[in-house]
Amino acid sequence: MGIMRKSQLNKAKQDRLIEHFVAGATARCAVDLVRVNLKKANIFVINYRKSLLIILSKRLTLFLAERLKLMKAILAASVRANVVEVRQGKSQCLAF
């Protein structure tokens, strides 16, 4: 994800903490392995999770907006096709 700019931990320690937390290590185990202060590690993880939530919510919003545009386009094309079929008398269902 990149370096957290306001963190008191350097890039290497940030990366190692993330690796241990992703692997499922407990906070105390990760802190012992990386050799950082427990409070600094906890603050880092809290801020990292917040930044991940912000990024994921933005991506989800963009994804849903694109999905909505696609669904509207499909619906519009379907309605146009049905109107053409009704006008030509080829529709097998009742027209509105």
PDB file of N, CA and C in Angstrom:
ATOM      1  N   MET A   1       0.820  -1.193   0.000  1.00  0.00           N
ATOM      2  CA  MET A   1       0.000   0.000   0.000  1.00  0.00           C
ATOM      3  C   MET A   1       0.859   1.251   0.000  1.00  0.00           C
ATOM      4  N   GLY A   2       2.064   1.131   0.466  1.00  0.00           N
ATOM      5  CA  GLY A   2       2.916   2.300   0.512  1.00  0.00           C
ATOM      6  C   GLY A   2       3.204   2.684   1.944  1.00  0.00           C
ATOM      7  N   ILE A   3       4.043   3.660   2.099  1.00  0.00           N
ATOM      8  CA  ILE A   3       4.461   4.088   3.430  1.00  0.00           C
ATOM      9  C   ILE A   3       3.441   5.062   4.015  1.00  0.00           C
ATOM     10  N   MET A   4       3.199   4.919   5.300  1.00  0.00           N
ATOM     11  CA  MET A   4       2.347   5.879   6.001  1.00  0.00           C
ATOM     12  C   MET A   4       3.255   7.026   6.434  1.00  0.00           C
ATOM     13  N   ARG A   5       2.990   8.205   5.948  1.00  0.00           N
ATOM     14  CA  ARG A   5       3.912   9.322   6.100  1.00  0.00           C
ATOM     15  C   ARG A   5       4.080   9.784   7.540  1.00  0.00           C
ATOM     16  N   LYS A   6       3.014   9.785   8.326  1.00  0.00           N
ATOM     17  CA  LYS A   6       3.111  10.331   9.673  1.00  0.00           C
ATOM     18  C   LYS A   6       3.416   9.273  10.722  1.00  0.00           C
ATOM     19  N   SER A   7       3.742   8.088  10.300  1.00  0.00           N
ATOM     20  CA  SER A   7       4.071   7.024  11.235  1.00  0.00           C
ATOM     21  C   SER A   7       5.464   7.236  11.800  1.00  0.00           C
ATOM     22  N   GLN A   8       5.654   6.810  13.053  1.00  0.00           N
ATOM     23  CA  GLN A   8       6.963   6.916  13.684  1.00  0.00           C
ATOM     24  C   GLN A   8       7.841   5.721  13.340  1.00  0.00           C
ATOM     25  N   LEU A   9       7.291   4.787  12.595  1.00  0.00           N
ATOM     26  CA  LEU A   9       8.043   3.605  12.202  1.00  0.00           C
ATOM     27  C   LEU A   9       8.586   3.785  10.790  1.00  0.00           C
ATOM     28  N   ASN A  10       9.778   3.268  10.546  1.00  0.00           N
ATOM     29  CA  ASN A  10      10.324   3.374   9.195  1.00  0.00           C
ATOM     30  C   ASN A  10       9.636   2.367   8.267  1.00  0.00           C
ATOM     31  N   LYS A  11       9.913   2.504   6.979  1.00  0.00           N
ATOM     32  CA  LYS A  11       9.233   1.693   5.954  1.00  0.00           C
ATOM     33  C   LYS A  11       9.437   0.195   6.168  1.00  0.00           C
ATOM     34  N   ALA A  12      10.653  -0.211   6.511  1.00  0.00           N
ATOM     35  CA  ALA A  12      10.941  -1.642   6.693  1.00  0.00           C
ATOM     36  C   ALA A  12      10.134  -2.216   7.853  1.00  0.00           C
ATOM     37  N   LYS A  13      10.064  -1.483   8.947  1.00  0.00           N
ATOM     38  CA  LYS A  13       9.305  -1.976  10.104  1.00  0.00           C
ATOM     39  C   LYS A  13       7.811  -1.982   9.818  1.00  0.00           C
ATOM     40  N   GLN A  14       7.329  -0.998   9.070  1.00  0.00           N
ATOM     41  CA  GLN A  14       5.920  -0.991   8.684  1.00  0.00           C
ATOM     42  C   GLN A  14       5.590  -2.234   7.861  1.00  0.00           C
ATOM     43  N   ASP A  15       6.436  -2.522   6.885  1.00  0.00           N
ATOM     44  CA  ASP A  15       6.196  -3.678   6.016  1.00  0.00           C
ATOM     45  C   ASP A  15       6.215  -4.979   6.813  1.00  0.00           C
ATOM     46  N   ARG A  16       7.172  -5.107   7.711  1.00  0.00           N
ATOM     47  CA  ARG A  16       7.265  -6.333   8.504  1.00  0.00           C
ATOM     48  C   ARG A  16       6.066  -6.482   9.440  1.00  0.00           C
ATOM     49  N   LEU A  17       5.610  -5.382  10.051  1.00  0.00           N
ATOM     50  CA  LEU A  17       4.421  -5.447  10.918  1.00  0.00           C
ATOM     51  C   LEU A  17       3.198  -5.888  10.115  1.00  0.00           C
ATOM     52  N   ILE A  18       3.039  -5.318   8.935  1.00  0.00           N
ATOM     53  CA  ILE A  18       1.897  -5.673   8.088  1.00  0.00           C
ATOM     54  C   ILE A  18       1.950  -7.156   7.730  1.00  0.00           C
ATOM     55  N   GLU A  19       3.138  -7.640   7.368  1.00  0.00           N
ATOM     56  CA  GLU A  19       3.288  -9.060   7.039  1.00  0.00           C
ATOM     57  C   GLU A  19       2.865  -9.946   8.198  1.00  0.00           C
ATOM     58  N   HIS A  20       3.302  -9.606   9.394  1.00  0.00           N
ATOM     59  CA  HIS A  20       2.968 -10.435  10.560  1.00  0.00           C
ATOM     60  C   HIS A  20       1.479 -10.376  10.890  1.00  0.00           C
ATOM     61  N   PHE A  21       0.877  -9.192  10.780  1.00  0.00           N
ATOM     62  CA  PHE A  21      -0.545  -9.084  11.084  1.00  0.00           C
ATOM     63  C   PHE A  21      -1.390  -9.798  10.033  1.00  0.00           C
ATOM     64  N   VAL A  22      -0.982  -9.717   8.771  1.00  0.00           N
ATOM     65  CA  VAL A  22      -1.709 -10.425   7.714  1.00  0.00           C
ATOM     66  C   VAL A  22      -1.589 -11.929   7.909  1.00  0.00           C
ATOM     67  N   ALA A  23      -0.421 -12.365   8.369  1.00  0.00           N
ATOM     68  CA  ALA A  23      -0.197 -13.795   8.598  1.00  0.00           C
ATOM     69  C   ALA A  23      -0.974 -14.311   9.808  1.00  0.00           C
ATOM     70  N   GLY A  24      -1.517 -13.409  10.629  1.00  0.00           N
ATOM     71  CA  GLY A  24      -2.327 -13.825  11.763  1.00  0.00           C
ATOM     72  C   GLY A  24      -1.588 -13.847  13.082  1.00  0.00           C
ATOM     73  N   ALA A  25      -0.405 -13.250  13.120  1.00  0.00           N
ATOM     74  CA  ALA A  25       0.343 -13.200  14.374  1.00  0.00           C
ATOM     75  C   ALA A  25      -0.341 -12.248  15.346  1.00  0.00           C
ATOM     76  N   THR A  26      -0.208 -12.528  16.623  1.00  0.00           N
ATOM     77  CA  THR A  26      -0.769 -11.634  17.627  1.00  0.00           C
ATOM     78  C   THR A  26       0.077 -10.366  17.685  1.00  0.00           C
ATOM     79  N   ALA A  27      -0.477  -9.338  18.312  1.00  0.00           N
ATOM     80  CA  ALA A  27       0.238  -8.067  18.403  1.00  0.00           C
ATOM     81  C   ALA A  27       1.542  -8.226  19.175  1.00  0.00           C
ATOM     82  N   ARG A  28       1.500  -8.938  20.270  1.00  0.00           N
ATOM     83  CA  ARG A  28       2.719  -9.109  21.075  1.00  0.00           C
ATOM     84  C   ARG A  28       3.792  -9.878  20.302  1.00  0.00           C
ATOM     85  N   CYS A  29       3.392 -10.895  19.590  1.00  0.00           N
ATOM     86  CA  CYS A  29       4.347 -11.688  18.804  1.00  0.00           C
ATOM     87  C   CYS A  29       4.962 -10.836  17.701  1.00  0.00           C
ATOM     88  N   ALA A  30       4.126 -10.070  16.992  1.00  0.00           N
ATOM     89  CA  ALA A  30       4.622  -9.219  15.907  1.00  0.00           C
ATOM     90  C   ALA A  30       5.570  -8.156  16.437  1.00  0.00           C
ATOM     91  N   VAL A  31       5.229  -7.582  17.583  1.00  0.00           N
ATOM     92  CA  VAL A  31       6.067  -6.550  18.181  1.00  0.00           C
ATOM     93  C   VAL A  31       7.416  -7.123  18.581  1.00  0.00           C
ATOM     94  N   ASP A  32       7.416  -8.315  19.139  1.00  0.00           N
ATOM     95  CA  ASP A  32       8.680  -8.954  19.518  1.00  0.00           C
ATOM     96  C   ASP A  32       9.538  -9.272  18.294  1.00  0.00           C
ATOM     97  N   LEU A  33       8.903  -9.713  17.219  1.00  0.00           N
ATOM     98  CA  LEU A  33       9.655 -10.068  16.022  1.00  0.00           C
ATOM     99  C   LEU A  33      10.233  -8.847  15.310  1.00  0.00           C
ATOM    100  N   VAL A  34       9.481  -7.760  15.292  1.00  0.00           N
ATOM    101  CA  VAL A  34       9.917  -6.556  14.590  1.00  0.00           C
ATOM    102  C   VAL A  34      10.750  -5.656  15.506  1.00  0.00           C
ATOM    103  N   ARG A  35      10.611  -5.852  16.792  1.00  0.00           N
ATOM    104  CA  ARG A  35      11.335  -5.066  17.814  1.00  0.00           C
ATOM    105  C   ARG A  35      10.937  -3.594  17.786  1.00  0.00           C
ATOM    106  N   VAL A  36       9.643  -3.366  17.997  1.00  0.00           N
ATOM    107  CA  VAL A  36       9.121  -2.006  18.123  1.00  0.00           C
ATOM    108  C   VAL A  36       8.293  -1.922  19.394  1.00  0.00           C
ATOM    109  N   ASN A  37       7.970  -0.709  19.789  1.00  0.00           N
ATOM    110  CA  ASN A  37       7.147  -0.465  20.964  1.00  0.00           C
ATOM    111  C   ASN A  37       5.715  -0.924  20.693  1.00  0.00           C
ATOM    112  N   LEU A  38       5.090  -1.554  21.678  1.00  0.00           N
ATOM    113  CA  LEU A  38       3.737  -2.082  21.524  1.00  0.00           C
ATOM    114  C   LEU A  38       2.741  -0.975  21.213  1.00  0.00           C
ATOM    115  N   LYS A  39       2.858   0.158  21.904  1.00  0.00           N
ATOM    116  CA  LYS A  39       1.915   1.259  21.676  1.00  0.00           C
ATOM    117  C   LYS A  39       2.071   1.840  20.268  1.00  0.00           C
ATOM    118  N   LYS A  40       3.310   1.983  19.800  1.00  0.00           N
ATOM    119  CA  LYS A  40       3.536   2.482  18.441  1.00  0.00           C
ATOM    120  C   LYS A  40       2.957   1.518  17.413  1.00  0.00           C
ATOM    121  N   ALA A  41       3.116   0.227  17.662  1.00  0.00           N
ATOM    122  CA  ALA A  41       2.582  -0.769  16.731  1.00  0.00           C
ATOM    123  C   ALA A  41       1.055  -0.721  16.712  1.00  0.00           C
ATOM    124  N   ASN A  42       0.432  -0.577  17.884  1.00  0.00           N
ATOM    125  CA  ASN A  42      -1.026  -0.502  17.941  1.00  0.00           C
ATOM    126  C   ASN A  42      -1.544   0.726  17.215  1.00  0.00           C
ATOM    127  N   ILE A  43      -0.883   1.871  17.421  1.00  0.00           N
ATOM    128  CA  ILE A  43      -1.295   3.097  16.734  1.00  0.00           C
ATOM    129  C   ILE A  43      -1.131   2.928  15.225  1.00  0.00           C
ATOM    130  N   PHE A  44      -0.033   2.320  14.813  1.00  0.00           N
ATOM    131  CA  PHE A  44       0.202   2.094  13.385  1.00  0.00           C
ATOM    132  C   PHE A  44      -0.898   1.228  12.779  1.00  0.00           C
ATOM    133  N   VAL A  45      -1.241   0.142  13.461  1.00  0.00           N
ATOM    134  CA  VAL A  45      -2.253  -0.775  12.921  1.00  0.00           C
ATOM    135  C   VAL A  45      -3.620  -0.087  12.852  1.00  0.00           C
ATOM    136  N   ILE A  46      -3.972   0.682  13.862  1.00  0.00           N
ATOM    137  CA  ILE A  46      -5.255   1.397  13.843  1.00  0.00           C
ATOM    138  C   ILE A  46      -5.301   2.370  12.670  1.00  0.00           C
ATOM    139  N   ASN A  47      -4.245   3.147  12.481  1.00  0.00           N
ATOM    140  CA  ASN A  47      -4.208   4.108  11.369  1.00  0.00           C
ATOM    141  C   ASN A  47      -4.178   3.404  10.017  1.00  0.00           C
ATOM    142  N   TYR A  48      -3.480   2.288   9.945  1.00  0.00           N
ATOM    143  CA  TYR A  48      -3.420   1.519   8.695  1.00  0.00           C
ATOM    144  C   TYR A  48      -4.805   0.991   8.325  1.00  0.00           C
ATOM    145  N   ARG A  49      -5.522   0.475   9.295  1.00  0.00           N
ATOM    146  CA  ARG A  49      -6.884  -0.022   9.025  1.00  0.00           C
ATOM    147  C   ARG A  49      -7.802   1.103   8.582  1.00  0.00           C
ATOM    148  N   LYS A  50      -7.679   2.272   9.210  1.00  0.00           N
ATOM    149  CA  LYS A  50      -8.508   3.410   8.803  1.00  0.00           C
ATOM    150  C   LYS A  50      -8.220   3.800   7.353  1.00  0.00           C
ATOM    151  N   SER A  51      -6.939   3.853   7.000  1.00  0.00           N
ATOM    152  CA  SER A  51      -6.598   4.237   5.630  1.00  0.00           C
ATOM    153  C   SER A  51      -7.083   3.178   4.629  1.00  0.00           C
ATOM    154  N   LEU A  52      -7.016   1.903   5.011  1.00  0.00           N
ATOM    155  CA  LEU A  52      -7.542   0.849   4.137  1.00  0.00           C
ATOM    156  C   LEU A  52      -9.045   0.991   3.936  1.00  0.00           C
ATOM    157  N   LEU A  53      -9.768   1.301   5.004  1.00  0.00           N
ATOM    158  CA  LEU A  53     -11.213   1.478   4.892  1.00  0.00           C
ATOM    159  C   LEU A  53     -11.556   2.634   3.970  1.00  0.00           C
ATOM    160  N   ILE A  54     -10.815   3.712   4.063  1.00  0.00           N
ATOM    161  CA  ILE A  54     -11.068   4.866   3.196  1.00  0.00           C
ATOM    162  C   ILE A  54     -10.832   4.494   1.736  1.00  0.00           C
ATOM    163  N   ILE A  55      -9.717   3.825   1.462  1.00  0.00           N
ATOM    164  CA  ILE A  55      -9.397   3.437   0.092  1.00  0.00           C
ATOM    165  C   ILE A  55     -10.427   2.456  -0.451  1.00  0.00           C
ATOM    166  N   LEU A  56     -10.790   1.456   0.349  1.00  0.00           N
ATOM    167  CA  LEU A  56     -11.755   0.463  -0.119  1.00  0.00           C
ATOM    168  C   LEU A  56     -13.134   1.064  -0.339  1.00  0.00           C
ATOM    169  N   SER A  57     -13.544   2.003   0.521  1.00  0.00           N
ATOM    170  CA  SER A  57     -14.853   2.620   0.320  1.00  0.00           C
ATOM    171  C   SER A  57     -14.876   3.456  -0.952  1.00  0.00           C
ATOM    172  N   LYS A  58     -13.772   4.149  -1.265  1.00  0.00           N
ATOM    173  CA  LYS A  58     -13.714   4.920  -2.512  1.00  0.00           C
ATOM    174  C   LYS A  58     -13.784   3.997  -3.724  1.00  0.00           C
ATOM    175  N   ARG A  59     -13.033   2.891  -3.671  1.00  0.00           N
ATOM    176  CA  ARG A  59     -13.052   1.947  -4.796  1.00  0.00           C
ATOM    177  C   ARG A  59     -14.424   1.305  -4.959  1.00  0.00           C
ATOM    178  N   LEU A  60     -15.070   0.977  -3.854  1.00  0.00           N
ATOM    179  CA  LEU A  60     -16.402   0.378  -3.927  1.00  0.00           C
ATOM    180  C   LEU A  60     -17.399   1.359  -4.516  1.00  0.00           C
ATOM    181  N   THR A  61     -17.303   2.620  -4.128  1.00  0.00           N
ATOM    182  CA  THR A  61     -18.195   3.640  -4.665  1.00  0.00           C
ATOM    183  C   THR A  61     -18.016   3.767  -6.174  1.00  0.00           C
ATOM    184  N   LEU A  62     -16.767   3.798  -6.634  1.00  0.00           N
ATOM    185  CA  LEU A  62     -16.504   3.873  -8.071  1.00  0.00           C
ATOM    186  C   LEU A  62     -17.021   2.640  -8.803  1.00  0.00           C
ATOM    187  N   PHE A  63     -16.801   1.474  -8.218  1.00  0.00           N
ATOM    188  CA  PHE A  63     -17.265   0.225  -8.830  1.00  0.00           C
ATOM    189  C   PHE A  63     -18.784   0.221  -8.955  1.00  0.00           C
ATOM    190  N   LEU A  64     -19.480   0.612  -7.888  1.00  0.00           N
ATOM    191  CA  LEU A  64     -20.939   0.608  -7.923  1.00  0.00           C
ATOM    192  C   LEU A  64     -21.482   1.647  -8.899  1.00  0.00           C
ATOM    193  N   ALA A  65     -20.814   2.787  -9.014  1.00  0.00           N
ATOM    194  CA  ALA A  65     -21.252   3.805  -9.969  1.00  0.00           C
ATOM    195  C   ALA A  65     -21.117   3.286 -11.401  1.00  0.00           C
ATOM    196  N   GLU A  66     -20.001   2.624 -11.693  1.00  0.00           N
ATOM    197  CA  GLU A  66     -19.811   2.054 -13.035  1.00  0.00           C
ATOM    198  C   GLU A  66     -20.830   0.956 -13.304  1.00  0.00           C
ATOM    199  N   ARG A  67     -21.085   0.145 -12.296  1.00  0.00           N
ATOM    200  CA  ARG A  67     -22.066  -0.937 -12.439  1.00  0.00           C
ATOM    201  C   ARG A  67     -23.458  -0.373 -12.714  1.00  0.00           C
ATOM    202  N   LEU A  68     -23.815   0.716 -12.027  1.00  0.00           N
ATOM    203  CA  LEU A  68     -25.116   1.346 -12.226  1.00  0.00           C
ATOM    204  C   LEU A  68     -25.236   1.908 -13.645  1.00  0.00           C
ATOM    205  N   LYS A  69     -24.175   2.544 -14.152  1.00  0.00           N
ATOM    206  CA  LYS A  69     -24.197   3.050 -15.527  1.00  0.00           C
ATOM    207  C   LYS A  69     -24.419   1.920 -16.520  1.00  0.00           C
ATOM    208  N   LEU A  70     -23.731   0.805 -16.307  1.00  0.00           N
ATOM    209  CA  LEU A  70     -23.868  -0.347 -17.193  1.00  0.00           C
ATOM    210  C   LEU A  70     -25.290  -0.896 -17.159  1.00  0.00           C
ATOM    211  N   MET A  71     -25.860  -1.006 -15.974  1.00  0.00           N
ATOM    212  CA  MET A  71     -27.223  -1.537 -15.854  1.00  0.00           C
ATOM    213  C   MET A  71     -28.232  -0.611 -16.517  1.00  0.00           C
ATOM    214  N   LYS A  72     -28.035   0.711 -16.387  1.00  0.00           N
ATOM    215  CA  LYS A  72     -28.927   1.668 -17.042  1.00  0.00           C
ATOM    216  C   LYS A  72     -28.830   1.542 -18.559  1.00  0.00           C
ATOM    217  N   ALA A  73     -27.625   1.369 -19.076  1.00  0.00           N
ATOM    218  CA  ALA A  73     -27.440   1.228 -20.519  1.00  0.00           C
ATOM    219  C   ALA A  73     -28.108  -0.044 -21.032  1.00  0.00           C
ATOM    220  N   ILE A  74     -27.969  -1.131 -20.295  1.00  0.00           N
ATOM    221  CA  ILE A  74     -28.597  -2.394 -20.695  1.00  0.00           C
ATOM    222  C   ILE A  74     -30.108  -2.264 -20.665  1.00  0.00           C
ATOM    223  N   LEU A  75     -30.628  -1.637 -19.632  1.00  0.00           N
ATOM    224  CA  LEU A  75     -32.074  -1.452 -19.524  1.00  0.00           C
ATOM    225  C   LEU A  75     -32.602  -0.581 -20.664  1.00  0.00           C
ATOM    226  N   ALA A  76     -31.892   0.495 -20.966  1.00  0.00           N
ATOM    227  CA  ALA A  76     -32.322   1.383 -22.056  1.00  0.00           C
ATOM    228  C   ALA A  76     -32.315   0.643 -23.389  1.00  0.00           C
ATOM    229  N   ALA A  77     -31.283  -0.156 -23.635  1.00  0.00           N
ATOM    230  CA  ALA A  77     -31.220  -0.916 -24.889  1.00  0.00           C
ATOM    231  C   ALA A  77     -32.342  -1.938 -24.955  1.00  0.00           C
ATOM    232  N   SER A  78     -32.650  -2.567 -23.845  1.00  0.00           N
ATOM    233  CA  SER A  78     -33.732  -3.547 -23.806  1.00  0.00           C
ATOM    234  C   SER A  78     -35.083  -2.890 -24.085  1.00  0.00           C
ATOM    235  N   VAL A  79     -35.304  -1.728 -23.492  1.00  0.00           N
ATOM    236  CA  VAL A  79     -36.567  -1.015 -23.711  1.00  0.00           C
ATOM    237  C   VAL A  79     -36.684  -0.600 -25.175  1.00  0.00           C
ATOM    238  N   ARG A  80     -35.581  -0.094 -25.763  1.00  0.00           N
ATOM    239  CA  ARG A  80     -35.621   0.302 -27.179  1.00  0.00           C
ATOM    240  C   ARG A  80     -35.925  -0.900 -28.072  1.00  0.00           C
ATOM    241  N   ALA A  81     -35.338  -2.042 -27.767  1.00  0.00           N
ATOM    242  CA  ALA A  81     -35.577  -3.244 -28.569  1.00  0.00           C
ATOM    243  C   ALA A  81     -37.034  -3.683 -28.458  1.00  0.00           C
ATOM    244  N   ASN A  82     -37.607  -3.604 -27.265  1.00  0.00           N
ATOM    245  CA  ASN A  82     -39.004  -3.988 -27.085  1.00  0.00           C
ATOM    246  C   ASN A  82     -39.941  -3.041 -27.821  1.00  0.00           C
ATOM    247  N   VAL A  83     -39.624  -1.756 -27.808  1.00  0.00           N
ATOM    248  CA  VAL A  83     -40.460  -0.782 -28.520  1.00  0.00           C
ATOM    249  C   VAL A  83     -40.428  -1.059 -30.019  1.00  0.00           C
ATOM    250  N   VAL A  84     -39.263  -1.366 -30.556  1.00  0.00           N
ATOM    251  CA  VAL A  84     -39.151  -1.668 -31.988  1.00  0.00           C
ATOM    252  C   VAL A  84     -39.949  -2.922 -32.323  1.00  0.00           C
ATOM    253  N   GLU A  85     -39.883  -3.944 -31.486  1.00  0.00           N
ATOM    254  CA  GLU A  85     -40.635  -5.183 -31.744  1.00  0.00           C
ATOM    255  C   GLU A  85     -42.138  -4.936 -31.708  1.00  0.00           C
ATOM    256  N   VAL A  86     -42.595  -4.127 -30.757  1.00  0.00           N
ATOM    257  CA  VAL A  86     -44.026  -3.838 -30.651  1.00  0.00           C
ATOM    258  C   VAL A  86     -44.499  -3.079 -31.880  1.00  0.00           C
ATOM    259  N   ARG A  87     -43.706  -2.111 -32.344  1.00  0.00           N
ATOM    260  CA  ARG A  87     -44.096  -1.325 -33.515  1.00  0.00           C
ATOM    261  C   ARG A  87     -44.141  -2.183 -34.777  1.00  0.00           C
ATOM    262  N   GLN A  88     -43.276  -3.178 -34.848  1.00  0.00           N
ATOM    263  CA  GLN A  88     -43.244  -4.038 -36.034  1.00  0.00           C
ATOM    264  C   GLN A  88     -44.188  -5.226 -35.894  1.00  0.00           C
ATOM    265  N   GLY A  89     -44.839  -5.368 -34.751  1.00  0.00           N
ATOM    266  CA  GLY A  89     -45.768  -6.466 -34.541  1.00  0.00           C
ATOM    267  C   GLY A  89     -45.099  -7.798 -34.289  1.00  0.00           C
ATOM    268  N   LYS A  90     -43.835  -7.817 -33.895  1.00  0.00           N
ATOM    269  CA  LYS A  90     -43.098  -9.051 -33.669  1.00  0.00           C
ATOM    270  C   LYS A  90     -43.057  -9.456 -32.209  1.00  0.00           C
ATOM    271  N   SER A  91     -43.607  -8.651 -31.322  1.00  0.00           N
ATOM    272  CA  SER A  91     -43.530  -8.924 -29.893  1.00  0.00           C
ATOM    273  C   SER A  91     -44.426 -10.092 -29.538  1.00  0.00           C
ATOM    274  N   GLN A  92     -43.917 -10.976 -28.673  1.00  0.00           N
ATOM    275  CA  GLN A  92     -44.699 -12.132 -28.227  1.00  0.00           C
ATOM    276  C   GLN A  92     -45.357 -11.879 -26.877  1.00  0.00           C
ATOM    277  N   CYS A  93     -45.154 -10.682 -26.342  1.00  0.00           N
ATOM    278  CA  CYS A  93     -45.783 -10.349 -25.074  1.00  0.00           C
ATOM    279  C   CYS A  93     -46.653  -9.133 -25.271  1.00  0.00           C
ATOM    280  N   LEU A  94     -47.442  -8.837 -24.270  1.00  0.00           N
ATOM    281  CA  LEU A  94     -48.351  -7.699 -24.359  1.00  0.00           C
ATOM    282  C   LEU A  94     -47.559  -6.385 -24.272  1.00  0.00           C
ATOM    283  N   ALA A  95     -47.926  -5.447 -25.109  1.00  0.00           N
ATOM    284  CA  ALA A  95     -47.273  -4.127 -25.071  1.00  0.00           C
ATOM    285  C   ALA A  95     -47.927  -3.284 -23.992  1.00  0.00           C
ATOM    286  N   PHE A  96     -47.178  -2.332 -23.473  1.00  0.00           N
ATOM    287  CA  PHE A  96     -47.718  -1.454 -22.435  1.00  0.00           C
ATOM    288  C   PHE A  96     -48.652  -0.449 -23.020  1.00  0.00           C
TER     289      PHE A  96
END
